[in-house]
Amino acid sequence: MKYYAKRDGDGSWSIVYTQTRKVAVIAETLPLRHLDEASAMEIIDALRGRHSASEGPATSADGTMA
């Protein structure tokens, strides 16, 4: 898995790129941070669908590796 959801200090969520540990960005203009939990999990589920299950462990809702 190349991305995981991380809960931020303000209670919002971010999508983080595993290799750099930086917040993922779409089209260089929209950082995937300050999301609500449902949106973050929906994005992670979509990203999981693009990668094979053998790439690594899944993440739990709190952003930790399962």
C-alpha atoms as a PDB file:
ATOM      1  CA  MET A   1       0.000   0.000   0.000  1.00  0.00           C
ATOM      2  CA  LYS A   2       1.478   3.321  -1.025  1.00  0.00           C
ATOM      3  CA  TYR A   3      -0.909   5.542   0.948  1.00  0.00           C
ATOM      4  CA  TYR A   4      -2.471   5.577   4.402  1.00  0.00           C
ATOM      5  CA  ALA A   5      -4.911   7.750   6.301  1.00  0.00           C
ATOM      6  CA  LYS A   6      -3.550   9.748   9.228  1.00  0.00           C
ATOM      7  CA  ARG A   7      -5.633  11.516  11.853  1.00  0.00           C
ATOM      8  CA  ASP A   8      -4.424  15.062  12.413  1.00  0.00           C
ATOM      9  CA  GLY A   9      -4.339  16.936  15.713  1.00  0.00           C
ATOM     10  CA  ASP A  10      -7.425  18.963  14.798  1.00  0.00           C
ATOM     11  CA  GLY A  11      -9.475  15.787  14.286  1.00  0.00           C
ATOM     12  CA  SER A  12      -9.365  15.923  10.500  1.00  0.00           C
ATOM     13  CA  TRP A  13      -7.669  13.334   8.319  1.00  0.00           C
ATOM     14  CA  SER A  14      -4.892  13.387   5.723  1.00  0.00           C
ATOM     15  CA  ILE A  15      -3.813  10.917   3.055  1.00  0.00           C
ATOM     16  CA  VAL A  16      -0.064  10.302   3.363  1.00  0.00           C
ATOM     17  CA  TYR A  17       2.311   8.813   0.785  1.00  0.00           C
ATOM     18  CA  THR A  18       4.151   5.967   2.536  1.00  0.00           C
ATOM     19  CA  GLN A  19       7.575   6.430   0.949  1.00  0.00           C
ATOM     20  CA  THR A  20       7.953  10.156   1.673  1.00  0.00           C
ATOM     21  CA  ARG A  21       5.553  10.392   4.643  1.00  0.00           C
ATOM     22  CA  LYS A  22       4.228  13.617   3.095  1.00  0.00           C
ATOM     23  CA  VAL A  23       0.591  14.505   2.498  1.00  0.00           C
ATOM     24  CA  ALA A  24      -0.496  13.274  -0.916  1.00  0.00           C
ATOM     25  CA  VAL A  25      -1.377  15.918  -3.502  1.00  0.00           C
ATOM     26  CA  ILE A  26      -3.727  15.694  -6.479  1.00  0.00           C
ATOM     27  CA  ALA A  27      -2.803  17.714  -9.598  1.00  0.00           C
ATOM     28  CA  GLU A  28      -0.268  19.732  -7.592  1.00  0.00           C
ATOM     29  CA  THR A  29      -3.025  21.997  -6.278  1.00  0.00           C
ATOM     30  CA  LEU A  30      -5.201  19.952  -3.940  1.00  0.00           C
ATOM     31  CA  PRO A  31      -3.487  18.468  -0.890  1.00  0.00           C
ATOM     32  CA  LEU A  32      -5.370  15.569   0.641  1.00  0.00           C
ATOM     33  CA  ARG A  33      -5.512  16.964   4.148  1.00  0.00           C
ATOM     34  CA  HIS A  34      -8.238  18.257   6.445  1.00  0.00           C
ATOM     35  CA  LEU A  35     -10.641  15.590   5.218  1.00  0.00           C
ATOM     36  CA  ASP A  36     -13.432  14.082   7.246  1.00  0.00           C
ATOM     37  CA  GLU A  37     -12.922  10.433   8.196  1.00  0.00           C
ATOM     38  CA  ALA A  38     -15.433   9.070   5.672  1.00  0.00           C
ATOM     39  CA  SER A  39     -13.775  10.921   2.777  1.00  0.00           C
ATOM     40  CA  ALA A  40     -10.310   9.777   3.810  1.00  0.00           C
ATOM     41  CA  MET A  41     -11.408   6.145   4.066  1.00  0.00           C
ATOM     42  CA  GLU A  42     -13.216   6.340   0.711  1.00  0.00           C
ATOM     43  CA  ILE A  43     -10.041   7.618  -0.961  1.00  0.00           C
ATOM     44  CA  ILE A  44      -7.914   4.925   0.696  1.00  0.00           C
ATOM     45  CA  ASP A  45     -10.391   2.250  -0.453  1.00  0.00           C
ATOM     46  CA  ALA A  46     -10.189   3.581  -4.012  1.00  0.00           C
ATOM     47  CA  LEU A  47      -6.390   3.581  -3.888  1.00  0.00           C
ATOM     48  CA  ARG A  48      -6.386   0.020  -2.558  1.00  0.00           C
ATOM     49  CA  GLY A  49      -8.465  -1.014  -5.542  1.00  0.00           C
ATOM     50  CA  ARG A  50      -5.703   0.185  -7.865  1.00  0.00           C
ATOM     51  CA  HIS A  51      -2.972  -1.844  -6.150  1.00  0.00           C
ATOM     52  CA  SER A  52      -2.710  -5.543  -5.541  1.00  0.00           C
ATOM     53  CA  ALA A  53      -3.328  -6.836  -2.036  1.00  0.00           C
ATOM     54  CA  SER A  54       0.196  -8.251  -1.979  1.00  0.00           C
ATOM     55  CA  GLU A  55       1.836  -4.818  -1.809  1.00  0.00           C
ATOM     56  CA  GLY A  56       1.614  -4.612   1.947  1.00  0.00           C
ATOM     57  CA  PRO A  57      -0.610  -4.578   4.986  1.00  0.00           C
ATOM     58  CA  ALA A  58      -3.809  -2.580   5.097  1.00  0.00           C
ATOM     59  CA  THR A  59      -4.223   0.427   7.342  1.00  0.00           C
ATOM     60  CA  SER A  60      -6.801   0.770  10.057  1.00  0.00           C
ATOM     61  CA  ALA A  61      -9.070   3.782  10.486  1.00  0.00           C
ATOM     62  CA  ASP A  62      -6.597   5.446  12.843  1.00  0.00           C
ATOM     63  CA  GLY A  63      -3.816   5.300  10.243  1.00  0.00           C
ATOM     64  CA  THR A  64      -1.849   2.475  11.829  1.00  0.00           C
ATOM     65  CA  MET A  65      -0.812  -0.586   9.914  1.00  0.00           C
ATOM     66  CA  ALA A  66      -3.190  -3.491  10.458  1.00  0.00           C
END
